[in-house]
């Protein structure tokens, strides 16, 4: 029964977080930023894409919980070893009536206890949710680093960042979220170890569950509440977003440049090798890629001044806005289904 109530709290928190992320995805659908792979500048993306990815993931967590309820919210009163011998012929009916009154599904079969694979699944779902919050928090922490500073969690006017460094604006809420996630991850292993019990039951699971179940729900609730506060007060630094977008002096436009050359008739491998050489030259000479490109006779045989002028990071976000719209439409359809 406590699990039932706790899951409703988690679901409500997730739905509130979903609303916040949907709003951010809409607002920043066209906020172009640099995408990073392996920690390196890749090609442009949008903040709307980031938020929509997290939004889609939160929706899956809502669906995971709803789908798993039929396996998790199960009860039994089946006697010492599950046979209901002490209840006589009314055993099955009595269990069904009591569980119905409690709002639980009546177990099809059990021994003295509900089998602990049920709680192992529950703990795994809660840990997966924690991992998403950890992922979001980690992204915010990285993007708040002094060298990047594209976004920042909210920082109060009288908030103290460090006891010895007055200038610090530490991402303490995001760090707290990542820290608490580690505890939740560690609670999954004991839940798995609780499944193998002696014969019709022993007590090795009991003492563990009294710790890991309430602890995990409390910690996850704290993580969700902190994440909502972080996202609701998220600060953006447009100047830094644009600065980082152009930090490589258009080296990030190597891919669209290669595609443009191919479109104009150059062979794919030939275009790749030419752009690779030009990109390496631009990097070594600390010059802009388009500047080096404009001096290349090979490239200028295929590319006009208008072609070069069109090679801007803001123009290379593909179908990102439509993808974000698709996610938002999908989420809003799910919300309507929940209300009906």
C-alpha atoms as a PDB file:
ATOM      1  CA  UNK A   1       0.000   0.000   0.000  1.00  0.00           C
ATOM      2  CA  UNK A   2       2.894   2.358   0.753  1.00  0.00           C
ATOM      3  CA  UNK A   3       4.401   1.494  -2.627  1.00  0.00           C
ATOM      4  CA  UNK A   4       1.070   2.293  -4.285  1.00  0.00           C
ATOM      5  CA  UNK A   5       0.937   5.744  -2.681  1.00  0.00           C
ATOM      6  CA  UNK A   6       4.618   6.385  -3.360  1.00  0.00           C
ATOM      7  CA  UNK A   7       4.273   5.528  -7.048  1.00  0.00           C
ATOM      8  CA  UNK A   8       1.475   8.085  -7.370  1.00  0.00           C
ATOM      9  CA  UNK A   9       3.762  10.753  -5.899  1.00  0.00           C
ATOM     10  CA  UNK A  10       6.512   9.832  -8.372  1.00  0.00           C
ATOM     11  CA  UNK A  11       4.029   9.845 -11.264  1.00  0.00           C
ATOM     12  CA  UNK A  12       2.745  13.291 -10.335  1.00  0.00           C
ATOM     13  CA  UNK A  13       6.317  14.619 -10.124  1.00  0.00           C
ATOM     14  CA  UNK A  14       7.142  13.103 -13.519  1.00  0.00           C
ATOM     15  CA  UNK A  15       4.069  14.659 -15.114  1.00  0.00           C
ATOM     16  CA  UNK A  16       4.971  18.077 -13.709  1.00  0.00           C
ATOM     17  CA  UNK A  17       8.511  17.645 -15.028  1.00  0.00           C
ATOM     18  CA  UNK A  18       7.053  16.650 -18.396  1.00  0.00           C
ATOM     19  CA  UNK A  19       5.091  19.915 -18.526  1.00  0.00           C
ATOM     20  CA  UNK A  20       8.216  21.955 -17.757  1.00  0.00           C
ATOM     21  CA  UNK A  21      10.300  20.191 -20.411  1.00  0.00           C
ATOM     22  CA  UNK A  22       7.546  20.558 -23.004  1.00  0.00           C
ATOM     23  CA  UNK A  23       7.486  24.303 -22.403  1.00  0.00           C
ATOM     24  CA  UNK A  24      11.284  24.559 -22.689  1.00  0.00           C
ATOM     25  CA  UNK A  25      11.303  22.495 -25.898  1.00  0.00           C
ATOM     26  CA  UNK A  26       8.731  24.843 -27.449  1.00  0.00           C
ATOM     27  CA  UNK A  27      10.526  27.979 -26.316  1.00  0.00           C
ATOM     28  CA  UNK A  28      13.967  26.894 -27.541  1.00  0.00           C
ATOM     29  CA  UNK A  29      12.988  25.063 -30.717  1.00  0.00           C
ATOM     30  CA  UNK A  30      15.144  27.474 -32.736  1.00  0.00           C
ATOM     31  CA  UNK A  31      17.880  28.169 -30.176  1.00  0.00           C
ATOM     32  CA  UNK A  32      20.849  26.908 -32.196  1.00  0.00           C
ATOM     33  CA  UNK A  33      23.868  25.638 -30.269  1.00  0.00           C
ATOM     34  CA  UNK A  34      26.883  23.469 -30.921  1.00  0.00           C
ATOM     35  CA  UNK A  35      26.365  19.744 -30.627  1.00  0.00           C
ATOM     36  CA  UNK A  36      29.119  17.772 -28.935  1.00  0.00           C
ATOM     37  CA  UNK A  37      30.210  14.170 -29.398  1.00  0.00           C
ATOM     38  CA  UNK A  38      33.078  12.646 -27.415  1.00  0.00           C
ATOM     39  CA  UNK A  39      33.291  16.033 -25.683  1.00  0.00           C
ATOM     40  CA  UNK A  40      34.296  17.668 -28.989  1.00  0.00           C
ATOM     41  CA  UNK A  41      32.406  20.114 -31.187  1.00  0.00           C
ATOM     42  CA  UNK A  42      30.445  18.134 -33.774  1.00  0.00           C
ATOM     43  CA  UNK A  43      27.724  19.931 -35.783  1.00  0.00           C
ATOM     44  CA  UNK A  44      24.945  22.323 -34.733  1.00  0.00           C
ATOM     45  CA  UNK A  45      21.818  21.222 -32.891  1.00  0.00           C
ATOM     46  CA  UNK A  46      19.230  23.139 -30.866  1.00  0.00           C
ATOM     47  CA  UNK A  47      18.357  23.421 -27.214  1.00  0.00           C
ATOM     48  CA  UNK A  48      14.865  22.428 -28.255  1.00  0.00           C
ATOM     49  CA  UNK A  49      16.310  19.068 -29.310  1.00  0.00           C
ATOM     50  CA  UNK A  50      17.989  18.598 -25.939  1.00  0.00           C
ATOM     51  CA  UNK A  51      14.783  19.314 -24.039  1.00  0.00           C
ATOM     52  CA  UNK A  52      12.662  17.201 -26.406  1.00  0.00           C
ATOM     53  CA  UNK A  53      14.971  14.209 -25.948  1.00  0.00           C
ATOM     54  CA  UNK A  54      14.593  14.474 -22.174  1.00  0.00           C
ATOM     55  CA  UNK A  55      10.843  15.035 -22.542  1.00  0.00           C
ATOM     56  CA  UNK A  56      10.459  11.857 -24.586  1.00  0.00           C
ATOM     57  CA  UNK A  57      12.448   9.927 -21.992  1.00  0.00           C
ATOM     58  CA  UNK A  58      10.315  11.213 -19.107  1.00  0.00           C
ATOM     59  CA  UNK A  59       7.214  10.077 -21.003  1.00  0.00           C
ATOM     60  CA  UNK A  60       8.669   6.569 -21.249  1.00  0.00           C
ATOM     61  CA  UNK A  61       9.151   6.535 -17.480  1.00  0.00           C
ATOM     62  CA  UNK A  62       5.500   7.460 -16.965  1.00  0.00           C
ATOM     63  CA  UNK A  63       4.504   4.618 -19.264  1.00  0.00           C
ATOM     64  CA  UNK A  64       6.900   2.190 -17.553  1.00  0.00           C
ATOM     65  CA  UNK A  65       5.320   2.825 -14.174  1.00  0.00           C
ATOM     66  CA  UNK A  66       1.754   2.599 -15.490  1.00  0.00           C
ATOM     67  CA  UNK A  67       2.516  -0.615 -17.356  1.00  0.00           C
ATOM     68  CA  UNK A  68       4.333  -2.203 -14.409  1.00  0.00           C
ATOM     69  CA  UNK A  69       1.601  -1.423 -11.876  1.00  0.00           C
ATOM     70  CA  UNK A  70      -0.285  -4.607 -12.765  1.00  0.00           C
ATOM     71  CA  UNK A  71       2.753  -6.648 -11.720  1.00  0.00           C
ATOM     72  CA  UNK A  72       3.935  -4.510  -8.802  1.00  0.00           C
ATOM     73  CA  UNK A  73       0.672  -3.624  -7.037  1.00  0.00           C
ATOM     74  CA  UNK A  74      -0.176  -7.184  -6.096  1.00  0.00           C
ATOM     75  CA  UNK A  75      -1.166  -8.551  -2.684  1.00  0.00           C
ATOM     76  CA  UNK A  76      -1.729 -11.903  -1.052  1.00  0.00           C
ATOM     77  CA  UNK A  77      -2.873 -13.578   2.162  1.00  0.00           C
ATOM     78  CA  UNK A  78      -2.121 -17.185   1.442  1.00  0.00           C
ATOM     79  CA  UNK A  79      -0.987 -18.706   4.721  1.00  0.00           C
ATOM     80  CA  UNK A  80       2.329 -20.092   5.861  1.00  0.00           C
ATOM     81  CA  UNK A  81       3.476 -21.621   2.564  1.00  0.00           C
ATOM     82  CA  UNK A  82       0.927 -20.326   0.068  1.00  0.00           C
ATOM     83  CA  UNK A  83      -1.607 -23.181   0.126  1.00  0.00           C
ATOM     84  CA  UNK A  84      -4.273 -21.315   2.184  1.00  0.00           C
ATOM     85  CA  UNK A  85      -4.744 -24.519   4.168  1.00  0.00           C
ATOM     86  CA  UNK A  86      -5.796 -22.667   7.329  1.00  0.00           C
ATOM     87  CA  UNK A  87      -8.540 -20.726   5.507  1.00  0.00           C
ATOM     88  CA  UNK A  88     -10.482 -23.701   4.238  1.00  0.00           C
ATOM     89  CA  UNK A  89     -12.558 -23.367   1.072  1.00  0.00           C
ATOM     90  CA  UNK A  90     -12.965 -19.593   1.379  1.00  0.00           C
ATOM     91  CA  UNK A  91      -9.243 -18.890   1.006  1.00  0.00           C
ATOM     92  CA  UNK A  92      -9.168 -17.724  -2.630  1.00  0.00           C
ATOM     93  CA  UNK A  93     -12.390 -15.723  -2.342  1.00  0.00           C
ATOM     94  CA  UNK A  94     -11.242 -14.077   0.885  1.00  0.00           C
ATOM     95  CA  UNK A  95      -7.921 -13.033  -0.648  1.00  0.00           C
ATOM     96  CA  UNK A  96      -9.700 -11.632  -3.701  1.00  0.00           C
ATOM     97  CA  UNK A  97     -12.158  -9.583  -1.600  1.00  0.00           C
ATOM     98  CA  UNK A  98      -9.487  -8.220   0.736  1.00  0.00           C
ATOM     99  CA  UNK A  99      -7.173  -7.220  -2.131  1.00  0.00           C
ATOM    100  CA  UNK A 100     -10.069  -5.584  -3.977  1.00  0.00           C
ATOM    101  CA  UNK A 101     -10.874  -3.555  -0.869  1.00  0.00           C
ATOM    102  CA  UNK A 102      -7.206  -2.488  -0.650  1.00  0.00           C
ATOM    103  CA  UNK A 103      -7.041  -1.560  -4.324  1.00  0.00           C
ATOM    104  CA  UNK A 104      -4.496  -4.272  -5.125  1.00  0.00           C
ATOM    105  CA  UNK A 105      -4.483  -7.093  -7.633  1.00  0.00           C
ATOM    106  CA  UNK A 106      -4.967 -10.527  -6.051  1.00  0.00           C
ATOM    107  CA  UNK A 107      -1.890 -12.717  -6.553  1.00  0.00           C
ATOM    108  CA  UNK A 108      -2.469 -15.696  -8.810  1.00  0.00           C
ATOM    109  CA  UNK A 109      -0.016 -17.748  -6.743  1.00  0.00           C
ATOM    110  CA  UNK A 110       2.455 -17.129  -3.940  1.00  0.00           C
ATOM    111  CA  UNK A 111       4.147 -18.921  -1.089  1.00  0.00           C
ATOM    112  CA  UNK A 112       4.345 -17.071   2.226  1.00  0.00           C
ATOM    113  CA  UNK A 113       5.248 -13.880   0.355  1.00  0.00           C
ATOM    114  CA  UNK A 114       4.922 -12.148  -2.999  1.00  0.00           C
ATOM    115  CA  UNK A 115       7.926 -13.153  -5.082  1.00  0.00           C
ATOM    116  CA  UNK A 116      10.667 -10.548  -4.961  1.00  0.00           C
ATOM    117  CA  UNK A 117      11.211 -10.276  -8.710  1.00  0.00           C
ATOM    118  CA  UNK A 118       8.321  -7.811  -8.416  1.00  0.00           C
ATOM    119  CA  UNK A 119      10.301  -5.484  -6.158  1.00  0.00           C
ATOM    120  CA  UNK A 120      13.448  -6.008  -8.204  1.00  0.00           C
ATOM    121  CA  UNK A 121      11.527  -4.684 -11.219  1.00  0.00           C
ATOM    122  CA  UNK A 122      10.228  -1.761  -9.172  1.00  0.00           C
ATOM    123  CA  UNK A 123      13.702  -0.829  -7.965  1.00  0.00           C
ATOM    124  CA  UNK A 124      15.089  -1.126 -11.492  1.00  0.00           C
ATOM    125  CA  UNK A 125      12.440   1.261 -12.837  1.00  0.00           C
ATOM    126  CA  UNK A 126      13.145   3.785 -10.080  1.00  0.00           C
ATOM    127  CA  UNK A 127      16.876   3.538 -10.811  1.00  0.00           C
ATOM    128  CA  UNK A 128      16.299   4.114 -14.540  1.00  0.00           C
ATOM    129  CA  UNK A 129      14.295   7.238 -13.690  1.00  0.00           C
ATOM    130  CA  UNK A 130      17.153   8.369 -11.439  1.00  0.00           C
ATOM    131  CA  UNK A 131      19.594   7.826 -14.309  1.00  0.00           C
ATOM    132  CA  UNK A 132      17.616  10.195 -16.537  1.00  0.00           C
ATOM    133  CA  UNK A 133      17.624  12.893 -13.858  1.00  0.00           C
ATOM    134  CA  UNK A 134      21.355  12.268 -13.411  1.00  0.00           C
ATOM    135  CA  UNK A 135      21.871  12.653 -17.165  1.00  0.00           C
ATOM    136  CA  UNK A 136      19.998  15.962 -17.285  1.00  0.00           C
ATOM    137  CA  UNK A 137      21.856  17.241 -14.222  1.00  0.00           C
ATOM    138  CA  UNK A 138      25.208  16.209 -15.710  1.00  0.00           C
ATOM    139  CA  UNK A 139      24.464  18.078 -18.943  1.00  0.00           C
ATOM    140  CA  UNK A 140      23.512  21.210 -17.020  1.00  0.00           C
ATOM    141  CA  UNK A 141      26.652  20.954 -14.875  1.00  0.00           C
ATOM    142  CA  UNK A 142      28.857  20.654 -17.945  1.00  0.00           C
ATOM    143  CA  UNK A 143      27.133  23.479 -19.798  1.00  0.00           C
ATOM    144  CA  UNK A 144      27.496  25.681 -16.695  1.00  0.00           C
ATOM    145  CA  UNK A 145      31.286  25.284 -16.596  1.00  0.00           C
ATOM    146  CA  UNK A 146      33.103  28.615 -16.799  1.00  0.00           C
ATOM    147  CA  UNK A 147      34.673  27.723 -20.154  1.00  0.00           C
ATOM    148  CA  UNK A 148      31.246  26.963 -21.676  1.00  0.00           C
ATOM    149  CA  UNK A 149      28.570  28.783 -19.617  1.00  0.00           C
ATOM    150  CA  UNK A 150      25.696  28.434 -22.062  1.00  0.00           C
ATOM    151  CA  UNK A 151      23.128  27.699 -19.363  1.00  0.00           C
ATOM    152  CA  UNK A 152      23.083  27.752 -15.574  1.00  0.00           C
ATOM    153  CA  UNK A 153      20.847  26.506 -12.810  1.00  0.00           C
ATOM    154  CA  UNK A 154      19.224  29.372 -10.856  1.00  0.00           C
ATOM    155  CA  UNK A 155      21.366  31.189  -8.307  1.00  0.00           C
ATOM    156  CA  UNK A 156      19.771  33.342  -5.606  1.00  0.00           C
ATOM    157  CA  UNK A 157      20.871  36.937  -4.982  1.00  0.00           C
ATOM    158  CA  UNK A 158      22.016  36.085  -1.465  1.00  0.00           C
ATOM    159  CA  UNK A 159      23.144  32.538  -2.237  1.00  0.00           C
ATOM    160  CA  UNK A 160      26.725  31.686  -1.234  1.00  0.00           C
ATOM    161  CA  UNK A 161      28.646  29.573  -3.723  1.00  0.00           C
ATOM    162  CA  UNK A 162      31.734  28.860  -1.631  1.00  0.00           C
ATOM    163  CA  UNK A 163      32.865  29.497   1.931  1.00  0.00           C
ATOM    164  CA  UNK A 164      36.279  30.664   0.690  1.00  0.00           C
ATOM    165  CA  UNK A 165      35.712  31.779  -2.941  1.00  0.00           C
ATOM    166  CA  UNK A 166      33.029  34.493  -2.976  1.00  0.00           C
ATOM    167  CA  UNK A 167      32.768  34.525  -6.770  1.00  0.00           C
ATOM    168  CA  UNK A 168      31.645  30.906  -7.143  1.00  0.00           C
ATOM    169  CA  UNK A 169      28.253  29.961  -8.639  1.00  0.00           C
ATOM    170  CA  UNK A 170      28.294  26.225  -8.083  1.00  0.00           C
ATOM    171  CA  UNK A 171      25.570  23.997  -9.602  1.00  0.00           C
ATOM    172  CA  UNK A 172      24.704  22.542  -6.204  1.00  0.00           C
ATOM    173  CA  UNK A 173      21.209  21.284  -7.037  1.00  0.00           C
ATOM    174  CA  UNK A 174      22.406  19.453 -10.133  1.00  0.00           C
ATOM    175  CA  UNK A 175      25.330  18.011  -8.182  1.00  0.00           C
ATOM    176  CA  UNK A 176      22.930  16.882  -5.470  1.00  0.00           C
ATOM    177  CA  UNK A 177      20.792  15.111  -8.061  1.00  0.00           C
ATOM    178  CA  UNK A 178      23.806  13.268  -9.495  1.00  0.00           C
ATOM    179  CA  UNK A 179      25.015  12.349  -6.017  1.00  0.00           C
ATOM    180  CA  UNK A 180      21.670  10.931  -4.862  1.00  0.00           C
ATOM    181  CA  UNK A 181      21.385   8.919  -8.075  1.00  0.00           C
ATOM    182  CA  UNK A 182      24.450   6.922  -7.033  1.00  0.00           C
ATOM    183  CA  UNK A 183      22.705   5.778  -3.865  1.00  0.00           C
ATOM    184  CA  UNK A 184      19.650   4.679  -5.832  1.00  0.00           C
ATOM    185  CA  UNK A 185      21.802   2.762  -8.328  1.00  0.00           C
ATOM    186  CA  UNK A 186      23.427   0.916  -5.436  1.00  0.00           C
ATOM    187  CA  UNK A 187      20.026  -0.106  -4.053  1.00  0.00           C
ATOM    188  CA  UNK A 188      19.175  -2.147  -7.158  1.00  0.00           C
ATOM    189  CA  UNK A 189      21.719  -4.882  -6.389  1.00  0.00           C
ATOM    190  CA  UNK A 190      20.224  -5.708  -2.947  1.00  0.00           C
ATOM    191  CA  UNK A 191      16.780  -5.835  -4.589  1.00  0.00           C
ATOM    192  CA  UNK A 192      18.073  -8.428  -7.057  1.00  0.00           C
ATOM    193  CA  UNK A 193      19.732 -10.389  -4.264  1.00  0.00           C
ATOM    194  CA  UNK A 194      16.407 -10.464  -2.389  1.00  0.00           C
ATOM    195  CA  UNK A 195      14.789 -12.670  -5.028  1.00  0.00           C
ATOM    196  CA  UNK A 196      16.608 -15.943  -4.197  1.00  0.00           C
ATOM    197  CA  UNK A 197      15.195 -17.007  -0.799  1.00  0.00           C
ATOM    198  CA  UNK A 198      15.228 -20.359   0.975  1.00  0.00           C
ATOM    199  CA  UNK A 199      12.315 -22.644   0.119  1.00  0.00           C
ATOM    200  CA  UNK A 200       8.937 -20.973   0.810  1.00  0.00           C
ATOM    201  CA  UNK A 201      10.647 -17.913   2.334  1.00  0.00           C
ATOM    202  CA  UNK A 202      13.285 -16.664   4.733  1.00  0.00           C
ATOM    203  CA  UNK A 203      13.914 -13.265   6.286  1.00  0.00           C
ATOM    204  CA  UNK A 204      17.035 -12.144   4.456  1.00  0.00           C
ATOM    205  CA  UNK A 205      14.944  -9.862   2.240  1.00  0.00           C
ATOM    206  CA  UNK A 206      12.977  -8.202   5.021  1.00  0.00           C
ATOM    207  CA  UNK A 207      15.657  -6.117   6.710  1.00  0.00           C
ATOM    208  CA  UNK A 208      16.982  -4.984   3.333  1.00  0.00           C
ATOM    209  CA  UNK A 209      13.593  -3.873   2.012  1.00  0.00           C
ATOM    210  CA  UNK A 210      12.907  -1.841   5.134  1.00  0.00           C
ATOM    211  CA  UNK A 211      15.928   0.254   4.108  1.00  0.00           C
ATOM    212  CA  UNK A 212      16.062   0.327   0.309  1.00  0.00           C
ATOM    213  CA  UNK A 213      12.374   0.813  -0.527  1.00  0.00           C
ATOM    214  CA  UNK A 214      11.601   3.894   1.590  1.00  0.00           C
ATOM    215  CA  UNK A 215      15.085   5.302   1.033  1.00  0.00           C
ATOM    216  CA  UNK A 216      14.826   5.020  -2.750  1.00  0.00           C
ATOM    217  CA  UNK A 217      11.392   6.618  -2.916  1.00  0.00           C
ATOM    218  CA  UNK A 218      12.438   9.482  -0.632  1.00  0.00           C
ATOM    219  CA  UNK A 219      15.658  10.126  -2.570  1.00  0.00           C
ATOM    220  CA  UNK A 220      13.927   9.966  -5.950  1.00  0.00           C
ATOM    221  CA  UNK A 221      11.265  12.398  -4.768  1.00  0.00           C
ATOM    222  CA  UNK A 222      14.013  14.782  -3.624  1.00  0.00           C
ATOM    223  CA  UNK A 223      15.746  14.442  -6.999  1.00  0.00           C
ATOM    224  CA  UNK A 224      12.532  15.160  -8.894  1.00  0.00           C
ATOM    225  CA  UNK A 225      11.710  18.209  -6.797  1.00  0.00           C
ATOM    226  CA  UNK A 226      15.217  19.616  -7.264  1.00  0.00           C
ATOM    227  CA  UNK A 227      15.124  18.949 -11.003  1.00  0.00           C
ATOM    228  CA  UNK A 228      11.853  20.852 -11.335  1.00  0.00           C
ATOM    229  CA  UNK A 229      13.384  23.825  -9.515  1.00  0.00           C
ATOM    230  CA  UNK A 230      16.497  23.751 -11.701  1.00  0.00           C
ATOM    231  CA  UNK A 231      14.582  23.622 -14.983  1.00  0.00           C
ATOM    232  CA  UNK A 232      12.008  26.214 -13.957  1.00  0.00           C
ATOM    233  CA  UNK A 233      14.776  28.701 -13.151  1.00  0.00           C
ATOM    234  CA  UNK A 234      17.237  27.717 -15.883  1.00  0.00           C
ATOM    235  CA  UNK A 235      19.293  30.691 -17.077  1.00  0.00           C
ATOM    236  CA  UNK A 236      20.479  31.049 -20.679  1.00  0.00           C
ATOM    237  CA  UNK A 237      23.499  32.988 -21.953  1.00  0.00           C
ATOM    238  CA  UNK A 238      22.827  33.662 -25.671  1.00  0.00           C
ATOM    239  CA  UNK A 239      26.157  35.418 -26.224  1.00  0.00           C
ATOM    240  CA  UNK A 240      28.080  32.381 -25.019  1.00  0.00           C
ATOM    241  CA  UNK A 241      25.870  30.007 -26.993  1.00  0.00           C
ATOM    242  CA  UNK A 242      26.728  31.934 -30.176  1.00  0.00           C
ATOM    243  CA  UNK A 243      30.388  32.321 -29.208  1.00  0.00           C
ATOM    244  CA  UNK A 244      30.743  28.557 -28.735  1.00  0.00           C
ATOM    245  CA  UNK A 245      28.884  27.913 -31.985  1.00  0.00           C
ATOM    246  CA  UNK A 246      31.604  29.852 -33.838  1.00  0.00           C
ATOM    247  CA  UNK A 247      34.491  28.858 -31.578  1.00  0.00           C
ATOM    248  CA  UNK A 248      36.087  26.557 -34.163  1.00  0.00           C
ATOM    249  CA  UNK A 249      35.907  29.261 -36.854  1.00  0.00           C
ATOM    250  CA  UNK A 250      33.450  27.215 -38.899  1.00  0.00           C
ATOM    251  CA  UNK A 251      35.360  23.928 -38.734  1.00  0.00           C
ATOM    252  CA  UNK A 252      32.022  22.461 -37.669  1.00  0.00           C
ATOM    253  CA  UNK A 253      30.768  23.238 -41.185  1.00  0.00           C
ATOM    254  CA  UNK A 254      33.075  20.642 -42.708  1.00  0.00           C
ATOM    255  CA  UNK A 255      30.248  18.123 -43.127  1.00  0.00           C
ATOM    256  CA  UNK A 256      27.812  20.448 -44.961  1.00  0.00           C
ATOM    257  CA  UNK A 257      30.728  21.736 -47.045  1.00  0.00           C
ATOM    258  CA  UNK A 258      31.560  18.189 -48.110  1.00  0.00           C
ATOM    259  CA  UNK A 259      27.896  17.561 -48.960  1.00  0.00           C
ATOM    260  CA  UNK A 260      27.703  20.811 -50.945  1.00  0.00           C
ATOM    261  CA  UNK A 261      30.759  19.823 -53.010  1.00  0.00           C
ATOM    262  CA  UNK A 262      29.199  16.415 -53.663  1.00  0.00           C
ATOM    263  CA  UNK A 263      25.932  18.076 -54.659  1.00  0.00           C
ATOM    264  CA  UNK A 264      27.849  20.239 -57.147  1.00  0.00           C
ATOM    265  CA  UNK A 265      29.406  17.200 -58.812  1.00  0.00           C
ATOM    266  CA  UNK A 266      32.594  16.323 -56.924  1.00  0.00           C
ATOM    267  CA  UNK A 267      33.011  12.673 -55.951  1.00  0.00           C
ATOM    268  CA  UNK A 268      32.137  11.783 -52.352  1.00  0.00           C
ATOM    269  CA  UNK A 269      35.588  10.496 -51.368  1.00  0.00           C
ATOM    270  CA  UNK A 270      37.335  13.292 -53.255  1.00  0.00           C
ATOM    271  CA  UNK A 271      35.182  15.877 -51.456  1.00  0.00           C
ATOM    272  CA  UNK A 272      35.863  14.260 -48.083  1.00  0.00           C
ATOM    273  CA  UNK A 273      39.617  14.300 -48.635  1.00  0.00           C
ATOM    274  CA  UNK A 274      39.628  17.901 -49.886  1.00  0.00           C
ATOM    275  CA  UNK A 275      37.606  19.175 -46.925  1.00  0.00           C
ATOM    276  CA  UNK A 276      39.749  17.139 -44.532  1.00  0.00           C
ATOM    277  CA  UNK A 277      42.913  18.783 -45.872  1.00  0.00           C
ATOM    278  CA  UNK A 278      41.378  22.261 -45.750  1.00  0.00           C
ATOM    279  CA  UNK A 279      40.076  21.699 -42.211  1.00  0.00           C
ATOM    280  CA  UNK A 280      43.480  20.536 -40.978  1.00  0.00           C
ATOM    281  CA  UNK A 281      45.129  23.548 -42.627  1.00  0.00           C
ATOM    282  CA  UNK A 282      42.626  25.928 -41.027  1.00  0.00           C
ATOM    283  CA  UNK A 283      43.223  24.331 -37.622  1.00  0.00           C
ATOM    284  CA  UNK A 284      47.018  24.428 -37.894  1.00  0.00           C
ATOM    285  CA  UNK A 285      47.047  28.057 -39.097  1.00  0.00           C
ATOM    286  CA  UNK A 286      44.302  29.151 -36.686  1.00  0.00           C
ATOM    287  CA  UNK A 287      42.205  30.497 -39.549  1.00  0.00           C
ATOM    288  CA  UNK A 288      38.564  30.177 -40.510  1.00  0.00           C
ATOM    289  CA  UNK A 289      37.598  27.186 -42.633  1.00  0.00           C
ATOM    290  CA  UNK A 290      35.664  29.312 -45.113  1.00  0.00           C
ATOM    291  CA  UNK A 291      38.639  31.678 -45.456  1.00  0.00           C
ATOM    292  CA  UNK A 292      40.935  28.772 -46.315  1.00  0.00           C
ATOM    293  CA  UNK A 293      38.247  27.316 -48.554  1.00  0.00           C
ATOM    294  CA  UNK A 294      37.927  30.545 -50.547  1.00  0.00           C
ATOM    295  CA  UNK A 295      41.621  30.250 -51.454  1.00  0.00           C
ATOM    296  CA  UNK A 296      41.285  26.671 -52.712  1.00  0.00           C
ATOM    297  CA  UNK A 297      41.200  26.444 -56.501  1.00  0.00           C
ATOM    298  CA  UNK A 298      39.834  22.895 -56.288  1.00  0.00           C
ATOM    299  CA  UNK A 299      36.899  23.984 -54.148  1.00  0.00           C
ATOM    300  CA  UNK A 300      36.177  27.204 -56.066  1.00  0.00           C
ATOM    301  CA  UNK A 301      35.727  25.209 -59.260  1.00  0.00           C
ATOM    302  CA  UNK A 302      32.515  23.923 -57.679  1.00  0.00           C
ATOM    303  CA  UNK A 303      31.434  26.578 -55.155  1.00  0.00           C
ATOM    304  CA  UNK A 304      30.211  30.128 -55.758  1.00  0.00           C
ATOM    305  CA  UNK A 305      30.326  33.064 -53.340  1.00  0.00           C
ATOM    306  CA  UNK A 306      26.638  32.454 -52.592  1.00  0.00           C
ATOM    307  CA  UNK A 307      27.424  28.841 -51.725  1.00  0.00           C
ATOM    308  CA  UNK A 308      30.057  29.979 -49.243  1.00  0.00           C
ATOM    309  CA  UNK A 309      27.751  32.611 -47.750  1.00  0.00           C
ATOM    310  CA  UNK A 310      25.088  29.969 -47.107  1.00  0.00           C
ATOM    311  CA  UNK A 311      27.444  27.821 -45.033  1.00  0.00           C
ATOM    312  CA  UNK A 312      26.432  29.122 -41.620  1.00  0.00           C
ATOM    313  CA  UNK A 313      25.907  27.002 -38.491  1.00  0.00           C
ATOM    314  CA  UNK A 314      22.414  28.466 -38.012  1.00  0.00           C
ATOM    315  CA  UNK A 315      21.426  27.046 -41.406  1.00  0.00           C
ATOM    316  CA  UNK A 316      22.574  23.515 -40.591  1.00  0.00           C
ATOM    317  CA  UNK A 317      20.056  22.184 -38.093  1.00  0.00           C
ATOM    318  CA  UNK A 318      18.297  19.843 -40.488  1.00  0.00           C
ATOM    319  CA  UNK A 319      14.807  18.861 -39.358  1.00  0.00           C
ATOM    320  CA  UNK A 320      15.401  19.698 -35.687  1.00  0.00           C
ATOM    321  CA  UNK A 321      12.395  22.066 -35.373  1.00  0.00           C
ATOM    322  CA  UNK A 322      10.050  19.528 -36.971  1.00  0.00           C
ATOM    323  CA  UNK A 323      11.425  16.737 -34.784  1.00  0.00           C
ATOM    324  CA  UNK A 324      10.755  18.860 -31.697  1.00  0.00           C
ATOM    325  CA  UNK A 325       7.223  19.578 -32.948  1.00  0.00           C
ATOM    326  CA  UNK A 326       6.678  15.842 -33.471  1.00  0.00           C
ATOM    327  CA  UNK A 327       7.722  15.069 -29.902  1.00  0.00           C
ATOM    328  CA  UNK A 328       5.502  17.815 -28.486  1.00  0.00           C
ATOM    329  CA  UNK A 329       2.520  16.592 -30.533  1.00  0.00           C
ATOM    330  CA  UNK A 330       3.133  13.034 -29.322  1.00  0.00           C
ATOM    331  CA  UNK A 331       3.304  14.161 -25.686  1.00  0.00           C
ATOM    332  CA  UNK A 332       0.158  16.268 -25.968  1.00  0.00           C
ATOM    333  CA  UNK A 333      -1.694  13.290 -27.439  1.00  0.00           C
ATOM    334  CA  UNK A 334      -0.548  11.177 -24.480  1.00  0.00           C
ATOM    335  CA  UNK A 335      -1.746  13.871 -22.077  1.00  0.00           C
ATOM    336  CA  UNK A 336      -5.196  13.875 -23.700  1.00  0.00           C
ATOM    337  CA  UNK A 337      -5.369  10.091 -23.385  1.00  0.00           C
ATOM    338  CA  UNK A 338      -4.541  10.308 -19.671  1.00  0.00           C
ATOM    339  CA  UNK A 339      -7.315  12.845 -19.114  1.00  0.00           C
ATOM    340  CA  UNK A 340      -9.976  10.808 -20.913  1.00  0.00           C
END
